């Protein structure tokens, strides 16, 4: 089980948090709500296809294992019920996740091997871009953008 910092202070609150985490793990592994196998399968396919130099035929850098692992941690940290992205790779060797629901509703996140999330979004009439670190939980900025796009 990964080590995470708890925000709970009391013993009862920590027990509730442990139980919620246990239920979430079971739901993610279930046939109905299970996304872990799908995520790992799609992510592994992208990694295997794009981990060689010039995988795109135009001198693309290979996707790194660090980008793969960061993307996996990010996807597993998405709250239940969040729409799943399309997973791809960029010529700079970073894995990307994209959500798109229309011409001006899209979000693209690139996973830098050092732990940064580079993002660009069109949210209807608005737009956003930037870089945020990813440690143990998905930054609120990213969650808000996913909700705005989807």
Foldseek 3Di string as FASTA:
>chain_A
DDDDDDPDDDPVVVVVVVVVVVVLVVQCCDPVQPCLVVVCVQLVVQLVQAQDACSVVPGAHGADVLLSVLVSLAVSQDDRPQDFFRWHADSPRWIKGKDADDDQQMKIWTRDSVFKTWMWHGQDPDIDTDIDGDDRHDDPVVVVSSVSRD
